[in-house]
Amino acid sequence: MWPTLNVNARDRCGWTAFMNAVAGNHRDTVVELKKLGANPSNETNYGRNALHVASMKGLGDMVRLLLGMNKKMMRTKDKVR
């Protein structure tokens, strides 16, 4: 029997595999992780989601892909002041 895979597992900074795939501009991986149940709206310890990451890196195609998955991510404000 295979162990259960937690596709929404976080590192000590709150980053998920999905966020890392977004940051690396790995479109196919982002799509596959979403199919496996990754939550695009998960936030880091600073309140940033995958859309924030893609925007900060200037990844326009990734921003469009993410907005197609969940437009509500646009409403999230980070906790950094």
C-alpha atoms as a PDB file:
ATOM      1  CA  MET A   1       0.000   0.000   0.000  1.00  0.00           C
ATOM      2  CA  TRP A   2       1.264   3.481  -0.884  1.00  0.00           C
ATOM      3  CA  PRO A   3       1.455   6.179   1.769  1.00  0.00           C
ATOM      4  CA  THR A   4      -1.015   9.024   1.511  1.00  0.00           C
ATOM      5  CA  LEU A   5       0.348  12.012  -0.365  1.00  0.00           C
ATOM      6  CA  ASN A   6      -0.330  15.445   1.114  1.00  0.00           C
ATOM      7  CA  VAL A   7      -0.063  17.774  -1.886  1.00  0.00           C
ATOM      8  CA  ASN A   8      -0.744  20.723   0.411  1.00  0.00           C
ATOM      9  CA  ALA A   9       2.131  20.012   2.811  1.00  0.00           C
ATOM     10  CA  ARG A  10       4.053  23.132   3.827  1.00  0.00           C
ATOM     11  CA  ASP A  11       7.673  23.860   4.606  1.00  0.00           C
ATOM     12  CA  ARG A  12       8.711  25.953   7.625  1.00  0.00           C
ATOM     13  CA  CYS A  13       7.912  29.176   5.701  1.00  0.00           C
ATOM     14  CA  GLY A  14       4.475  27.937   4.670  1.00  0.00           C
ATOM     15  CA  TRP A  15       5.391  27.237   1.040  1.00  0.00           C
ATOM     16  CA  THR A  16       3.770  24.300  -0.762  1.00  0.00           C
ATOM     17  CA  ALA A  17       4.946  22.274  -3.750  1.00  0.00           C
ATOM     18  CA  PHE A  18       2.342  24.188  -5.786  1.00  0.00           C
ATOM     19  CA  MET A  19       3.887  27.546  -4.848  1.00  0.00           C
ATOM     20  CA  ASN A  20       7.354  26.270  -5.699  1.00  0.00           C
ATOM     21  CA  ALA A  21       6.126  25.052  -9.083  1.00  0.00           C
ATOM     22  CA  VAL A  22       4.590  28.487  -9.709  1.00  0.00           C
ATOM     23  CA  ALA A  23       7.803  30.262  -8.656  1.00  0.00           C
ATOM     24  CA  GLY A  24       9.787  28.055 -11.044  1.00  0.00           C
ATOM     25  CA  ASN A  25       7.298  28.734 -13.859  1.00  0.00           C
ATOM     26  CA  HIS A  26       6.615  24.985 -14.236  1.00  0.00           C
ATOM     27  CA  ARG A  27       3.181  25.151 -15.857  1.00  0.00           C
ATOM     28  CA  ASP A  28       2.708  21.407 -16.398  1.00  0.00           C
ATOM     29  CA  THR A  29       3.606  20.680 -12.776  1.00  0.00           C
ATOM     30  CA  VAL A  30       1.181  23.359 -11.556  1.00  0.00           C
ATOM     31  CA  VAL A  31      -1.620  21.800 -13.603  1.00  0.00           C
ATOM     32  CA  GLU A  32      -0.832  18.270 -12.372  1.00  0.00           C
ATOM     33  CA  LEU A  33      -0.598  19.350  -8.723  1.00  0.00           C
ATOM     34  CA  LYS A  34      -3.987  21.045  -9.064  1.00  0.00           C
ATOM     35  CA  LYS A  35      -5.431  17.800 -10.474  1.00  0.00           C
ATOM     36  CA  LEU A  36      -4.017  15.973  -7.435  1.00  0.00           C
ATOM     37  CA  GLY A  37      -5.834  18.349  -5.099  1.00  0.00           C
ATOM     38  CA  ALA A  38      -3.363  21.157  -4.486  1.00  0.00           C
ATOM     39  CA  ASN A  39      -5.078  24.283  -3.183  1.00  0.00           C
ATOM     40  CA  PRO A  40      -3.932  27.326  -5.191  1.00  0.00           C
ATOM     41  CA  SER A  41      -5.224  29.623  -2.429  1.00  0.00           C
ATOM     42  CA  ASN A  42      -2.909  28.294   0.283  1.00  0.00           C
ATOM     43  CA  GLU A  43      -0.920  31.089   1.889  1.00  0.00           C
ATOM     44  CA  THR A  44       2.646  31.321   3.155  1.00  0.00           C
ATOM     45  CA  ASN A  45       3.425  32.451   6.697  1.00  0.00           C
ATOM     46  CA  TYR A  46       3.378  36.005   5.280  1.00  0.00           C
ATOM     47  CA  GLY A  47      -0.096  35.608   3.777  1.00  0.00           C
ATOM     48  CA  ARG A  48       1.088  35.334   0.184  1.00  0.00           C
ATOM     49  CA  ASN A  49      -0.550  32.883  -2.187  1.00  0.00           C
ATOM     50  CA  ALA A  50       0.603  31.487  -5.527  1.00  0.00           C
ATOM     51  CA  LEU A  51      -0.854  34.496  -7.362  1.00  0.00           C
ATOM     52  CA  HIS A  52       1.322  36.841  -5.300  1.00  0.00           C
ATOM     53  CA  VAL A  53       4.370  34.717  -6.159  1.00  0.00           C
ATOM     54  CA  ALA A  54       3.636  34.706  -9.898  1.00  0.00           C
ATOM     55  CA  SER A  55       2.933  38.446  -9.883  1.00  0.00           C
ATOM     56  CA  MET A  56       6.108  39.345  -7.984  1.00  0.00           C
ATOM     57  CA  LYS A  57       8.165  37.304 -10.453  1.00  0.00           C
ATOM     58  CA  GLY A  58       6.469  38.892 -13.487  1.00  0.00           C
ATOM     59  CA  LEU A  59       5.068  35.584 -14.753  1.00  0.00           C
ATOM     60  CA  GLY A  60       2.101  36.856 -16.770  1.00  0.00           C
ATOM     61  CA  ASP A  61       1.170  33.494 -18.284  1.00  0.00           C
ATOM     62  CA  MET A  62       1.245  31.895 -14.839  1.00  0.00           C
ATOM     63  CA  VAL A  63      -0.935  34.699 -13.439  1.00  0.00           C
ATOM     64  CA  ARG A  64      -3.523  34.016 -16.146  1.00  0.00           C
ATOM     65  CA  LEU A  65      -3.401  30.266 -15.461  1.00  0.00           C
ATOM     66  CA  LEU A  66      -3.884  30.807 -11.716  1.00  0.00           C
ATOM     67  CA  LEU A  67      -6.762  33.240 -12.202  1.00  0.00           C
ATOM     68  CA  GLY A  68      -8.419  30.615 -14.376  1.00  0.00           C
ATOM     69  CA  MET A  69      -8.171  28.209 -11.440  1.00  0.00           C
ATOM     70  CA  ASN A  70      -9.422  30.580  -8.742  1.00  0.00           C
ATOM     71  CA  LYS A  71     -10.225  34.272  -9.211  1.00  0.00           C
ATOM     72  CA  LYS A  72     -10.774  34.676  -5.453  1.00  0.00           C
ATOM     73  CA  MET A  73      -6.971  34.702  -4.998  1.00  0.00           C
ATOM     74  CA  MET A  74      -7.062  38.320  -6.176  1.00  0.00           C
ATOM     75  CA  ARG A  75      -8.782  39.316  -2.930  1.00  0.00           C
ATOM     76  CA  THR A  76      -6.015  38.048  -0.647  1.00  0.00           C
ATOM     77  CA  LYS A  77      -3.754  40.657   0.925  1.00  0.00           C
ATOM     78  CA  ASP A  78      -0.381  39.647   2.293  1.00  0.00           C
ATOM     79  CA  LYS A  79       0.604  40.316   5.909  1.00  0.00           C
ATOM     80  CA  VAL A  80       3.819  42.182   5.074  1.00  0.00           C
ATOM     81  CA  ARG A  81       3.816  45.876   5.941  1.00  0.00           C
END
